[in-house]
């Protein structure tokens, strides 16, 4: 899982920092990070690099 380990994601959440979804992550890593997002009236900020954004868009387009 590249430099985006689960420890990194846990630390980012604990520090209230944005989680970064990047091309070093596997599709499973991306899903796990997205599953951890909590939306309770607050907005969460995540950062997505270009390749991950392209991956998410193409995946969602195939599902529609």
Protein backbone atom coordinates (compact mmCIF):
# COMPACT_ATOMS: atom_id res chain seq x y z
CA UNK A 1 0.00 0.00 0.00
CA UNK A 2 2.71 2.56 -0.81
CA UNK A 3 3.20 5.36 1.66
CA UNK A 4 -0.53 5.52 2.43
CA UNK A 5 -0.68 2.92 5.17
CA UNK A 6 -3.61 2.36 7.49
CA UNK A 7 -1.46 3.96 10.23
CA UNK A 8 -1.16 7.08 8.10
CA UNK A 9 -4.93 7.19 7.60
CA UNK A 10 -5.61 6.67 11.31
CA UNK A 11 -3.15 9.45 12.21
CA UNK A 12 -4.70 11.79 9.64
CA UNK A 13 -8.15 11.19 11.10
CA UNK A 14 -6.90 11.64 14.68
CA UNK A 15 -5.26 14.94 13.73
CA UNK A 16 -8.34 16.03 11.78
CA UNK A 17 -6.18 16.25 8.66
CA UNK A 18 -7.43 15.34 5.21
CA UNK A 19 -6.97 11.76 4.13
CA UNK A 20 -5.07 11.53 0.87
CA UNK A 21 -6.15 8.98 -1.70
CA UNK A 22 -3.32 8.48 -4.16
CA UNK A 23 -2.19 6.24 -6.98
CA UNK A 24 -0.04 4.14 -4.63
CA UNK A 25 -3.21 2.73 -3.08
CA UNK A 26 -4.92 -0.43 -4.25
CA UNK A 27 -8.64 -0.32 -5.05
CA UNK A 28 -9.20 -2.11 -1.72
CA UNK A 29 -7.21 0.57 0.12
CA UNK A 30 -9.35 3.28 -1.48
CA UNK A 31 -12.55 1.48 -0.52
CA UNK A 32 -11.34 1.05 3.07
CA UNK A 33 -10.46 4.75 3.34
CA UNK A 34 -13.84 5.79 1.93
CA UNK A 35 -15.64 3.41 4.29
CA UNK A 36 -13.99 5.13 7.26
CA UNK A 37 -15.35 8.55 6.32
CA UNK A 38 -18.01 9.73 8.72
CA UNK A 39 -20.63 12.31 7.75
CA UNK A 40 -22.66 13.56 10.70
CA UNK A 41 -23.57 17.05 9.57
CA UNK A 42 -19.87 17.93 9.38
CA UNK A 43 -17.98 17.93 6.15
CA UNK A 44 -14.88 15.77 5.84
CA UNK A 45 -12.12 16.79 3.52
CA UNK A 46 -10.23 14.25 1.49
CA UNK A 47 -7.54 14.79 -1.11
CA UNK A 48 -7.62 12.72 -4.26
CA UNK A 49 -4.81 12.75 -6.80
CA UNK A 50 -5.54 12.71 -10.54
CA UNK A 51 -5.17 8.96 -11.15
CA UNK A 52 -7.44 8.09 -8.20
CA UNK A 53 -10.00 10.67 -9.35
CA UNK A 54 -9.94 9.15 -12.84
CA UNK A 55 -10.30 5.66 -11.34
CA UNK A 56 -13.28 6.66 -9.20
CA UNK A 57 -15.04 8.42 -12.09
CA UNK A 58 -14.51 5.54 -14.52
CA UNK A 59 -15.65 2.99 -11.92
CA UNK A 60 -18.78 4.93 -11.10
CA UNK A 61 -19.57 5.44 -14.79
CA UNK A 62 -19.41 1.67 -15.36
CA UNK A 63 -21.89 1.18 -12.51
CA UNK A 64 -24.52 3.55 -13.99
